[in-house]
Amino acid sequence: MLTRYARPEMAAIWSRQEQLRIWFRIEAHAVSAQANLGRVCPSIAQKLWDGEPDRFDEDRIAAIETDVRHESIAFQTYILECVDPAVHPYFHHGLTSSDVLDTAFSLQLVRAGDLLLSGLHRLADRLAAVARRHQHTLCIGRSHGVHAEPISFGLKMLRAYSECRRNIARLENARSEVAVGKLSGSVGSYTCIDPRIESYVCQQLGLAIEPIASQIVPRDRHAQFFATLALVASCLERLASELRFLQVTEISEVAEGFGRRQKGSSAMPHKKNPILSENITGLARAVRGYLMPALENIALWQERDMSHSSVERFSGPDATITLDYALHRMAGIIDDLVIDGNRMLKNIKLSHGAWGSQKIFLALLAKGLEHDIAYRIVQNAAFGSSPSTHDPTTQPDFAARLLADPQARDWLTANEITKLTSPDAYLSHVNMIFDRVLG
């Protein structure tokens, strides 16, 4: 488990002490439910609650497990050592180990999901703020890494915000999917336990009831949860990759914050590397790695086997801790991001206005020029403005080449060409997009 990198709130959810406390409280709620049904004296239930250890003796539990070779029985044996003997006949009555283990795991996933949702909301707020601030900051849009048409940097951040909002909805749904408890006995048919006990315990824990279980909660629920974590991680990686690309020296449109005493390289003092974005790329790979075991855990033998148990001991903690860390790291990147609008304008000029090709092409078509002829006129002018084929310090820009082309001038005036190749013309619908996304 990645406890070194875990935020305290997330680490607490997956600590051994918290796991044992949840197990105890499931068992205690079950005895309280028996008391509510008149099957146990209320004082017996209270004796169990009074016997809850302030701190569970993990070493003692481990020693018992060495003998009995059963984790759940070791825990139960330890609790019976701690509580009044009058409780013993009613403790774990009618339950199977998975009733406790699965209900506890669900509760831990729900709590972890709540923290992840908080992190997503935090990131969404920061993305929205940056998007608004740079709603009209011109930059070049790229496809295949090549200049396409001008957009605003705010639109880049708005796309990430919208993606984040979709992930919030997905994670809320996945959290709901795993927010179920199960106290229905050895094969899920309530042979030795009253369904009302399950209802009471789940209500006390804030969980819904698994409508039909086997010995366990069905693992398709968990698979959806881990699939959502993988999807959120991939979206973080998409944004991290965008920011990494924009920090390439030849582009330099953004930069991660760099501390006053920070050092970028042990060998090259000039370096400022996009290490935080690169970290997120690696963390996303780790989170996605837990999806396949979750999918494979669905296909268990009959009412239950143990093949899912071993991987879930670390997949739940590690996947949620890693994603939580990545979410907060990305929010920090956005908080400290240095955005260079002047460099963005310089980069737009690198293609000498060739990004205006589509507007010119459509204008020629609208004037009645045949499709292929119009395309060739625009393509010749655009290729002549490409920095890959000419000295960018001497070559004429796209508009100038069109103005020098008699064919183009037969169909378009100088004023039309100038207007159609102005970068500002590409932001005419930006406000509409922001209104549509942010309301």
Protein backbone atom coordinates (compact mmCIF):
# COMPACT_ATOMS: atom_id res chain seq x y z
CA MET A 1 0.00 0.00 0.00
CA LEU A 2 1.29 3.45 -0.96
CA THR A 3 1.07 4.88 2.56
CA ARG A 4 4.09 7.14 1.98
CA TYR A 5 2.13 9.14 -0.57
CA ALA A 6 -1.33 8.82 0.95
CA ARG A 7 -3.08 11.89 2.28
CA PRO A 8 -3.97 11.32 5.95
CA GLU A 9 -7.72 11.23 5.26
CA MET A 10 -7.35 8.49 2.65
CA ALA A 11 -4.73 6.55 4.61
CA ALA A 12 -7.07 6.48 7.63
CA ILE A 13 -9.80 4.74 5.63
CA TRP A 14 -7.49 1.85 4.75
CA SER A 15 -5.58 1.56 8.01
CA ARG A 16 -5.68 -1.80 9.75
CA GLN A 17 -7.12 -0.18 12.87
CA GLU A 18 -9.99 1.34 10.91
CA GLN A 19 -10.68 -1.95 9.15
CA LEU A 20 -10.87 -3.79 12.51
CA ARG A 21 -13.09 -1.06 13.94
CA ILE A 22 -15.53 -1.39 11.04
CA TRP A 23 -15.57 -5.17 11.47
CA PHE A 24 -16.33 -4.76 15.16
CA ARG A 25 -19.14 -2.29 14.56
CA ILE A 26 -20.80 -4.50 11.97
CA GLU A 27 -20.79 -7.33 14.49
CA ALA A 28 -22.02 -5.03 17.28
CA HIS A 29 -24.81 -3.59 15.16
CA ALA A 30 -25.90 -7.14 14.34
CA VAL A 31 -26.21 -7.93 18.08
CA SER A 32 -28.09 -4.66 18.62
CA ALA A 33 -30.46 -5.73 15.85
CA GLN A 34 -31.08 -9.00 17.69
CA ALA A 35 -31.88 -6.98 20.81
CA ASN A 36 -34.32 -4.82 18.84
CA LEU A 37 -36.07 -7.99 17.72
CA GLY A 38 -36.35 -9.17 21.32
CA ARG A 39 -33.97 -12.09 20.86
CA VAL A 40 -31.20 -10.69 23.02
CA CYS A 41 -31.36 -8.69 26.21
CA PRO A 42 -30.44 -5.09 25.41
CA SER A 43 -27.85 -5.20 28.19
CA ILE A 44 -26.00 -7.93 26.27
CA ALA A 45 -25.70 -5.68 23.23
CA GLN A 46 -24.49 -2.86 25.45
CA LYS A 47 -21.86 -5.12 26.99
CA LEU A 48 -20.51 -5.76 23.50
CA TRP A 49 -20.38 -2.06 22.68
CA ASP A 50 -18.70 -1.35 26.02
CA GLY A 51 -16.07 -3.95 25.19
CA GLU A 52 -14.88 -2.21 22.02
CA PRO A 53 -11.10 -1.76 22.38
CA ASP A 54 -9.70 1.76 22.20
CA ARG A 55 -7.01 0.24 20.05
CA PHE A 56 -7.12 -3.23 18.58
CA ASP A 57 -4.14 -5.42 19.40
CA GLU A 58 -2.94 -6.31 15.93
CA ASP A 59 -0.12 -8.46 17.26
CA ARG A 60 -2.53 -10.55 19.30
CA ILE A 61 -4.85 -11.01 16.33
CA ALA A 62 -1.89 -12.05 14.16
CA ALA A 63 -0.79 -14.56 16.81
CA ILE A 64 -4.25 -16.13 16.89
CA GLU A 65 -4.31 -16.25 13.09
CA THR A 66 -1.02 -18.15 13.13
CA ASP A 67 -2.85 -20.92 14.96
CA VAL A 68 -6.30 -20.91 13.33
CA ARG A 69 -5.14 -19.95 9.80
CA HIS A 70 -8.30 -17.87 9.33
CA GLU A 71 -8.26 -14.08 9.47
CA SER A 72 -11.90 -13.59 10.35
CA ILE A 73 -11.93 -16.28 13.05
CA ALA A 74 -8.77 -14.74 14.52
CA PHE A 75 -10.56 -11.41 14.81
CA GLN A 76 -13.66 -12.98 16.33
CA THR A 77 -11.58 -14.92 18.84
CA TYR A 78 -9.77 -11.75 19.86
CA ILE A 79 -13.02 -9.85 20.38
CA LEU A 80 -14.41 -12.66 22.54
CA GLU A 81 -11.29 -12.31 24.69
CA CYS A 82 -12.07 -8.62 25.15
CA VAL A 83 -15.80 -8.68 25.94
CA ASP A 84 -18.05 -10.00 28.68
CA PRO A 85 -18.64 -13.78 28.32
CA ALA A 86 -22.39 -13.12 28.37
CA VAL A 87 -21.98 -11.74 24.83
CA HIS A 88 -20.34 -14.87 23.42
CA PRO A 89 -23.45 -16.84 22.36
CA TYR A 90 -24.79 -13.93 20.33
CA PHE A 91 -21.60 -12.65 18.72
CA HIS A 92 -21.34 -13.41 14.96
CA HIS A 93 -24.64 -15.32 15.31
CA GLY A 94 -25.90 -16.53 11.93
CA LEU A 95 -23.21 -14.64 10.02
CA THR A 96 -20.52 -15.81 7.66
CA SER A 97 -17.16 -14.08 7.40
CA SER A 98 -18.00 -12.46 4.08
CA ASP A 99 -21.00 -10.74 5.63
CA VAL A 100 -18.55 -8.72 7.68
CA LEU A 101 -15.67 -8.49 5.20
CA ASP A 102 -17.73 -7.48 2.17
CA THR A 103 -19.88 -4.98 4.04
CA ALA A 104 -16.74 -3.41 5.49
CA PHE A 105 -15.04 -3.29 2.07
CA SER A 106 -18.11 -1.58 0.61
CA LEU A 107 -18.03 1.02 3.36
CA GLN A 108 -14.33 1.67 2.78
CA LEU A 109 -14.84 2.05 -0.97
CA VAL A 110 -17.71 4.46 -0.36
CA ARG A 111 -15.62 6.60 1.98
CA ALA A 112 -12.70 6.53 -0.45
CA GLY A 113 -15.10 7.47 -3.24
CA ASP A 114 -16.28 10.46 -1.24
CA LEU A 115 -12.72 11.73 -0.92
CA LEU A 116 -12.10 11.19 -4.63
CA LEU A 117 -15.27 13.11 -5.44
CA SER A 118 -14.04 15.95 -3.24
CA GLY A 119 -10.77 15.95 -5.19
CA LEU A 120 -12.61 16.02 -8.51
CA HIS A 121 -14.75 18.95 -7.39
CA ARG A 122 -11.63 20.79 -6.27
CA LEU A 123 -9.94 20.20 -9.62
CA ALA A 124 -13.07 21.21 -11.54
CA ASP A 125 -13.23 24.52 -9.66
CA ARG A 126 -9.63 25.32 -10.55
CA LEU A 127 -10.07 24.38 -14.20
CA ALA A 128 -13.16 26.55 -14.45
CA ALA A 129 -11.32 29.51 -12.93
CA VAL A 130 -8.39 29.21 -15.35
CA ALA A 131 -10.75 28.70 -18.29
CA ARG A 132 -12.66 31.88 -17.46
CA ARG A 133 -9.45 33.86 -16.96
CA HIS A 134 -8.16 32.82 -20.39
CA GLN A 135 -11.48 32.68 -22.22
CA HIS A 136 -10.09 34.94 -24.97
CA THR A 137 -6.36 34.20 -24.74
CA LEU A 138 -5.46 33.27 -28.31
CA CYS A 139 -3.34 30.21 -28.96
CA ILE A 140 -2.91 27.85 -31.87
CA GLY A 141 -4.97 24.70 -32.00
CA ARG A 142 -3.12 21.61 -33.14
CA SER A 143 -4.11 18.32 -34.70
CA HIS A 144 -1.50 15.60 -35.21
CA GLY A 145 0.87 18.03 -33.47
CA VAL A 146 0.59 20.39 -36.46
CA HIS A 147 -0.91 23.88 -36.48
CA ALA A 148 -4.62 23.73 -37.25
CA GLU A 149 -6.66 26.85 -36.41
CA PRO A 150 -6.47 29.40 -33.59
CA ILE A 151 -8.54 28.74 -30.49
CA SER A 152 -8.38 30.15 -26.98
CA PHE A 153 -6.40 28.64 -24.13
CA GLY A 154 -9.58 28.94 -22.12
CA LEU A 155 -11.21 26.39 -24.41
CA LYS A 156 -8.45 23.89 -23.65
CA MET A 157 -9.10 24.28 -19.93
CA LEU A 158 -12.86 24.27 -20.45
CA ARG A 159 -12.62 20.89 -22.18
CA ALA A 160 -10.75 19.55 -19.17
CA TYR A 161 -13.38 21.05 -16.86
CA SER A 162 -16.22 19.44 -18.81
CA GLU A 163 -14.38 16.12 -18.73
CA CYS A 164 -13.98 16.52 -14.97
CA ARG A 165 -17.71 17.13 -14.52
CA ARG A 166 -18.49 13.96 -16.46
CA ASN A 167 -16.11 12.07 -14.21
CA ILE A 168 -17.89 13.41 -11.15
CA ALA A 169 -21.16 11.99 -12.47
CA ARG A 170 -19.49 8.68 -13.30
CA LEU A 171 -17.89 8.36 -9.88
CA GLU A 172 -21.12 9.28 -8.09
CA ASN A 173 -22.78 6.43 -9.96
CA ALA A 174 -19.92 4.01 -9.24
CA ARG A 175 -19.95 4.98 -5.56
CA SER A 176 -23.67 4.23 -5.43
CA GLU A 177 -23.03 0.88 -7.12
CA VAL A 178 -20.72 -0.33 -4.34
CA ALA A 179 -22.63 1.27 -1.47
CA VAL A 180 -24.33 -2.00 -0.50
CA GLY A 181 -23.99 -4.28 2.48
CA LYS A 182 -24.71 -7.98 2.83
CA LEU A 183 -25.61 -9.99 5.96
CA SER A 184 -27.48 -12.87 4.39
CA GLY A 185 -25.43 -15.85 5.54
CA SER A 186 -23.31 -18.53 3.97
CA VAL A 187 -24.94 -18.65 0.53
CA GLY A 188 -27.07 -15.51 0.65
CA SER A 189 -30.38 -17.21 1.50
CA TYR A 190 -30.75 -16.03 5.14
CA THR A 191 -30.76 -19.62 6.41
CA CYS A 192 -29.63 -18.67 9.93
CA ILE A 193 -30.17 -14.91 10.06
CA ASP A 194 -33.24 -12.72 9.99
CA PRO A 195 -33.24 -10.30 7.00
CA ARG A 196 -34.27 -7.56 9.42
CA ILE A 197 -30.81 -7.77 11.01
CA GLU A 198 -29.25 -7.01 7.63
CA SER A 199 -31.63 -4.08 7.16
CA TYR A 200 -30.74 -2.61 10.55
CA VAL A 201 -26.98 -2.98 10.15
CA CYS A 202 -26.95 -1.49 6.65
CA GLN A 203 -29.11 1.39 7.79
CA GLN A 204 -26.69 2.13 10.65
CA LEU A 205 -23.77 2.12 8.20
CA GLY A 206 -25.50 4.21 5.54
CA LEU A 207 -25.48 1.39 3.00
CA ALA A 208 -28.20 -0.05 0.80
CA ILE A 209 -28.95 -3.78 0.96
CA GLU A 210 -27.56 -6.08 -1.71
CA PRO A 211 -30.86 -7.41 -3.14
CA ILE A 212 -29.46 -10.83 -4.05
CA ALA A 213 -26.07 -12.00 -2.87
CA SER A 214 -24.29 -15.32 -2.91
CA GLN A 215 -21.81 -15.67 -0.09
CA ILE A 216 -20.46 -12.31 -1.26
CA VAL A 217 -21.54 -9.03 -2.79
CA PRO A 218 -21.43 -9.53 -6.60
CA ARG A 219 -18.13 -8.30 -7.96
CA ASP A 220 -19.53 -6.62 -11.06
CA ARG A 221 -20.28 -3.75 -8.68
CA HIS A 222 -16.63 -3.46 -7.74
CA ALA A 223 -15.54 -3.81 -11.36
CA GLN A 224 -17.61 -0.75 -12.27
CA PHE A 225 -16.00 1.20 -9.44
CA PHE A 226 -12.46 0.30 -10.56
CA ALA A 227 -13.36 0.94 -14.19
CA THR A 228 -14.43 4.43 -13.21
CA LEU A 229 -11.18 5.00 -11.32
CA ALA A 230 -9.30 3.91 -14.44
CA LEU A 231 -11.34 6.30 -16.59
CA VAL A 232 -10.73 9.22 -14.23
CA ALA A 233 -7.00 8.41 -14.25
CA SER A 234 -6.96 8.36 -18.05
CA CYS A 235 -8.62 11.77 -18.19
CA LEU A 236 -6.00 13.13 -15.81
CA GLU A 237 -3.33 11.69 -18.07
CA ARG A 238 -4.91 13.37 -21.10
CA LEU A 239 -4.68 16.76 -19.40
CA ALA A 240 -1.17 16.02 -18.11
CA SER A 241 -0.06 15.07 -21.65
CA GLU A 242 -1.52 18.31 -23.01
CA LEU A 243 0.42 20.35 -20.46
CA ARG A 244 3.60 18.35 -21.03
CA PHE A 245 3.41 19.01 -24.76
CA LEU A 246 2.89 22.74 -24.24
CA GLN A 247 6.06 22.83 -22.09
CA VAL A 248 8.32 21.54 -24.88
CA THR A 249 11.11 24.11 -25.34
CA GLU A 250 10.13 24.92 -28.92
CA ILE A 251 6.56 25.62 -27.76
CA SER A 252 6.88 26.95 -24.17
CA GLU A 253 3.31 28.16 -23.90
CA VAL A 254 2.90 27.02 -20.30
CA ALA A 255 5.21 25.94 -17.49
CA GLU A 256 4.76 24.17 -14.21
CA GLY A 257 5.48 26.28 -11.16
CA PHE A 258 9.14 26.20 -10.17
CA GLY A 259 10.23 26.87 -6.59
CA ARG A 260 12.86 29.46 -5.74
CA ARG A 261 15.26 26.78 -4.49
CA GLN A 262 14.04 23.99 -6.76
CA LYS A 263 16.53 22.14 -8.96
CA GLY A 264 15.56 20.51 -12.23
CA SER A 265 18.48 18.24 -12.98
CA SER A 266 21.49 16.83 -11.14
CA ALA A 267 23.60 17.34 -14.29
CA MET A 268 22.13 20.36 -16.10
CA PRO A 269 21.32 23.37 -13.90
CA HIS A 270 19.31 25.06 -16.66
CA LYS A 271 16.58 22.40 -16.67
CA LYS A 272 12.94 22.98 -15.72
CA ASN A 273 11.23 19.67 -16.43
CA PRO A 274 7.47 18.96 -16.45
CA ILE A 275 7.95 16.38 -13.70
CA LEU A 276 4.56 16.80 -12.04
CA SER A 277 2.67 16.16 -15.27
CA GLU A 278 4.96 13.23 -15.97
CA ASN A 279 4.20 11.84 -12.51
CA ILE A 280 0.49 11.88 -13.27
CA THR A 281 1.08 9.98 -16.51
CA GLY A 282 2.80 7.22 -14.55
CA LEU A 283 0.20 7.20 -11.77
CA ALA A 284 -2.57 6.81 -14.35
CA ARG A 285 -0.90 3.65 -15.62
CA ALA A 286 -0.86 2.25 -12.10
CA VAL A 287 -4.55 2.97 -11.49
CA ARG A 288 -5.54 1.40 -14.81
CA GLY A 289 -3.57 -1.67 -13.82
CA TYR A 290 -6.11 -2.50 -11.12
CA LEU A 291 -9.02 -2.66 -13.56
CA MET A 292 -8.19 -6.04 -15.08
CA PRO A 293 -8.10 -7.91 -11.73
CA ALA A 294 -11.43 -6.28 -10.82
CA LEU A 295 -12.95 -7.54 -14.07
CA GLU A 296 -11.52 -11.00 -13.53
CA ASN A 297 -12.89 -11.08 -9.97
CA ILE A 298 -16.44 -11.18 -11.37
CA ALA A 299 -16.17 -14.80 -12.49
CA LEU A 300 -15.96 -16.65 -9.17
CA TRP A 301 -16.88 -20.31 -8.71
CA GLN A 302 -20.54 -20.89 -7.81
CA GLU A 303 -21.52 -18.98 -4.67
CA ARG A 304 -17.95 -17.95 -3.88
CA ASP A 305 -14.26 -18.76 -4.03
CA MET A 306 -11.26 -16.96 -2.57
CA SER A 307 -9.49 -15.84 -5.75
CA HIS A 308 -10.75 -12.27 -5.49
CA SER A 309 -9.76 -11.77 -1.86
CA SER A 310 -5.99 -11.56 -2.20
CA VAL A 311 -5.93 -8.86 -4.87
CA GLU A 312 -8.62 -6.75 -3.19
CA ARG A 313 -6.49 -6.43 -0.08
CA PHE A 314 -4.24 -4.02 -1.95
CA SER A 315 -6.19 -3.03 -5.09
CA GLY A 316 -8.75 -1.04 -3.10
CA PRO A 317 -6.22 0.89 -1.01
CA ASP A 318 -3.62 1.35 -3.75
CA ALA A 319 -5.99 2.41 -6.54
CA THR A 320 -7.84 4.96 -4.41
CA ILE A 321 -4.71 6.29 -2.70
CA THR A 322 -2.93 6.66 -6.06
CA LEU A 323 -5.84 8.39 -7.76
CA ASP A 324 -6.39 10.68 -4.77
CA TYR A 325 -2.73 11.68 -4.93
CA ALA A 326 -2.95 12.29 -8.68
CA LEU A 327 -6.07 14.45 -8.33
CA HIS A 328 -4.48 16.69 -5.75
CA ARG A 329 -1.24 16.87 -7.72
CA MET A 330 -3.15 17.98 -10.82
CA ALA A 331 -5.04 20.63 -8.84
CA GLY A 332 -1.67 21.90 -7.61
CA ILE A 333 -0.31 22.02 -11.16
CA ILE A 334 -3.28 24.11 -12.27
CA ASP A 335 -2.91 26.43 -9.27
CA ASP A 336 0.76 27.15 -10.08
CA LEU A 337 0.62 26.94 -13.87
CA VAL A 338 2.50 29.74 -15.65
CA ILE A 339 0.61 30.66 -18.83
CA ASP A 340 2.48 32.72 -21.44
CA GLY A 341 -0.02 34.47 -23.68
CA ASN A 342 2.71 36.34 -25.57
CA ARG A 343 4.44 33.10 -26.48
CA MET A 344 1.11 31.74 -27.70
CA LEU A 345 0.79 34.71 -30.06
CA LYS A 346 4.35 34.19 -31.32
CA ASN A 347 3.61 30.53 -31.99
CA ILE A 348 0.47 31.43 -33.93
CA LYS A 349 2.68 33.50 -36.26
CA LEU A 350 4.98 30.56 -36.98
CA SER A 351 2.64 29.26 -39.66
CA HIS A 352 2.29 32.72 -41.19
CA GLY A 353 -1.49 32.66 -41.25
CA ALA A 354 -1.78 29.35 -43.10
CA TRP A 355 -4.30 28.31 -40.43
CA GLY A 356 -6.78 30.54 -42.28
CA SER A 357 -6.99 28.06 -45.15
CA GLN A 358 -10.45 26.70 -44.34
CA LYS A 359 -12.13 30.09 -44.15
CA ILE A 360 -10.59 31.14 -47.48
CA PHE A 361 -11.49 27.80 -49.06
CA LEU A 362 -15.14 28.07 -47.99
CA ALA A 363 -15.29 31.70 -49.12
CA LEU A 364 -14.10 30.72 -52.59
CA LEU A 365 -16.69 27.95 -52.74
CA ALA A 366 -19.39 30.41 -51.68
CA LYS A 367 -18.37 32.68 -54.55
CA GLY A 368 -19.02 29.80 -56.98
CA LEU A 369 -15.50 28.53 -57.66
CA GLU A 370 -15.22 24.83 -58.50
CA HIS A 371 -14.20 22.70 -55.51
CA ASP A 372 -10.86 21.30 -56.66
CA ILE A 373 -9.69 24.59 -58.16
CA ALA A 374 -10.54 26.42 -54.91
CA TYR A 375 -8.71 23.78 -52.90
CA ARG A 376 -5.58 24.01 -55.05
CA ILE A 377 -5.48 27.82 -54.88
CA VAL A 378 -5.64 27.72 -51.08
CA GLN A 379 -3.26 24.79 -50.75
CA ASN A 380 -0.60 26.46 -52.93
CA ALA A 381 -0.77 29.63 -50.88
CA ALA A 382 -0.70 27.69 -47.61
CA PHE A 383 2.21 25.46 -48.58
CA GLY A 384 4.17 28.51 -49.64
CA SER A 385 3.67 29.86 -46.12
CA SER A 386 4.87 26.71 -44.39
CA PRO A 387 7.88 27.22 -42.08
CA SER A 388 9.11 23.78 -43.11
CA THR A 389 9.69 24.87 -46.71
CA HIS A 390 10.87 28.46 -46.44
CA ASP A 391 12.97 30.70 -44.25
CA PRO A 392 10.35 31.93 -41.78
CA THR A 393 12.09 35.30 -41.55
CA THR A 394 11.69 36.08 -45.24
CA GLN A 395 8.72 34.15 -46.58
CA PRO A 396 5.45 35.99 -47.25
CA ASP A 397 2.49 35.11 -45.09
CA PHE A 398 -0.61 33.30 -46.26
CA ALA A 399 -2.66 36.44 -46.88
CA ALA A 400 0.14 38.05 -48.88
CA ARG A 401 0.47 35.01 -51.11
CA LEU A 402 -3.28 35.01 -51.72
CA LEU A 403 -3.20 38.71 -52.57
CA ALA A 404 -0.40 38.02 -55.06
CA ASP A 405 -2.35 35.19 -56.72
CA PRO A 406 -4.45 36.50 -59.66
CA GLN A 407 -6.83 33.55 -59.36
CA ALA A 408 -7.56 34.31 -55.72
CA ARG A 409 -7.88 38.05 -56.40
CA ASP A 410 -10.43 37.32 -59.11
CA TRP A 411 -12.75 35.97 -56.42
CA LEU A 412 -11.81 37.69 -53.16
CA THR A 413 -11.04 41.30 -52.33
CA ALA A 414 -8.07 42.34 -50.22
CA ASN A 415 -10.45 43.34 -47.43
CA GLU A 416 -12.11 39.92 -47.48
CA ILE A 417 -8.78 38.11 -47.36
CA THR A 418 -7.56 40.26 -44.47
CA LYS A 419 -10.77 39.72 -42.51
CA LEU A 420 -10.83 35.95 -43.10
CA THR A 421 -7.22 35.53 -41.99
CA SER A 422 -7.47 37.52 -38.78
CA PRO A 423 -6.89 35.37 -35.66
CA ASP A 424 -9.65 37.20 -33.78
CA ALA A 425 -12.20 35.83 -36.23
CA TYR A 426 -11.72 32.41 -34.66
CA LEU A 427 -13.08 33.38 -31.25
CA SER A 428 -16.52 34.53 -32.39
CA HIS A 429 -18.34 31.60 -30.75
CA VAL A 430 -16.17 31.16 -27.67
CA ASN A 431 -18.65 32.96 -25.40
CA MET A 432 -21.43 30.68 -26.59
CA ILE A 433 -19.37 27.57 -25.77
CA PHE A 434 -18.56 28.91 -22.30
CA ASP A 435 -22.21 29.71 -21.67
CA ARG A 436 -23.20 26.23 -22.79
CA VAL A 437 -20.68 24.51 -20.52
CA LEU A 438 -20.69 26.80 -17.48
CA GLY A 439 -24.25 28.07 -17.75
